Amino acid sequence: MPRLTTKKAVVAIQNMIYVIRASNTNLVKIGFTESKETLKRRLIALKTSCPFKLKIEASFRGSKLKERCLHGS
């Protein structure tokens, strides 16, 4: 009888910092996430509670420490 095998999905962790801006305002959200997929989910979640149109202004590789430093500058 043949042996059944399963393949594990490999998910690349990208560790990224993002900047989301509310249109026509000075409001920005700086955050940290581990993948583009979680960034997309975060944007959708923010849109449900924000009266402004939201747009991802930037995303780039970074760490939680770098993200914290951006909040202080």
Protein backbone atom coordinates (compact mmCIF):
# COMPACT_ATOMS: atom_id res chain seq x y z
CA MET A 1 0.00 0.00 0.00
CA PRO A 2 1.46 3.47 -0.91
CA ARG A 3 2.40 5.79 1.91
CA LEU A 4 0.52 9.09 2.10
CA THR A 5 2.59 12.18 2.57
CA THR A 6 1.58 15.75 3.23
CA LYS A 7 3.39 18.86 2.09
CA LYS A 8 3.72 21.71 4.52
CA ALA A 9 3.10 25.19 3.19
CA VAL A 10 6.10 27.44 3.58
CA VAL A 11 5.26 31.02 4.45
CA ALA A 12 8.00 33.60 4.06
CA ILE A 13 8.19 36.04 6.93
CA GLN A 14 9.03 39.42 5.50
CA ASN A 15 9.07 41.60 8.66
CA MET A 16 7.94 44.93 7.32
CA ILE A 17 7.09 48.42 8.50
CA TYR A 18 4.14 50.17 6.89
CA VAL A 19 2.70 53.67 6.72
CA ILE A 20 -1.03 54.11 6.09
CA ARG A 21 -2.40 57.61 5.50
CA ALA A 22 -5.95 58.91 5.83
CA SER A 23 -6.74 60.97 2.71
CA ASN A 24 -6.93 64.75 3.04
CA THR A 25 -5.62 64.66 6.63
CA ASN A 26 -2.33 64.60 8.49
CA LEU A 27 -3.29 61.28 10.11
CA VAL A 28 -0.90 58.38 9.59
CA LYS A 29 -0.63 54.90 11.05
CA ILE A 30 2.86 53.46 11.37
CA GLY A 31 2.94 49.77 12.11
CA PHE A 32 4.82 46.49 11.92
CA THR A 33 3.72 43.25 10.32
CA GLU A 34 5.24 39.96 9.24
CA SER A 35 3.84 39.71 5.70
CA LYS A 36 2.02 41.48 2.89
CA GLU A 37 -1.06 39.37 3.61
CA THR A 38 -1.29 40.55 7.21
CA LEU A 39 -0.80 44.13 6.00
CA LYS A 40 -3.77 43.74 3.66
CA ARG A 41 -5.90 42.39 6.53
CA ARG A 42 -4.80 45.28 8.76
CA LEU A 43 -5.81 47.84 6.12
CA ILE A 44 -9.25 46.23 5.76
CA ALA A 45 -9.72 46.25 9.54
CA LEU A 46 -8.72 49.93 9.79
CA LYS A 47 -11.10 50.88 6.96
CA THR A 48 -14.07 49.56 8.92
CA SER A 49 -13.53 52.05 11.74
CA CYS A 50 -12.19 55.10 9.88
CA PRO A 51 -14.38 57.69 8.13
CA PHE A 52 -11.53 58.65 5.75
CA LYS A 53 -10.23 56.85 2.70
CA LEU A 54 -7.05 54.96 3.68
CA LYS A 55 -4.06 54.24 1.49
CA ILE A 56 -0.80 52.40 2.06
CA GLU A 57 1.78 55.12 1.50
CA ALA A 58 4.86 52.98 2.09
CA SER A 59 6.01 49.55 3.18
CA PHE A 60 9.57 48.38 3.59
CA ARG A 61 11.63 45.75 5.37
CA GLY A 62 12.26 46.54 9.00
CA SER A 63 12.11 45.42 12.61
CA LYS A 64 9.84 46.18 15.55
CA LEU A 65 12.65 48.29 17.00
CA LYS A 66 12.88 50.42 13.84
CA GLU A 67 9.09 50.81 13.84
CA ARG A 68 9.20 52.09 17.44
CA CYS A 69 11.94 54.55 16.49
CA LEU A 70 9.79 55.96 13.67
CA HIS A 71 7.10 56.81 16.21
CA GLY A 72 9.62 58.93 18.10
CA SER A 73 10.87 60.97 15.15
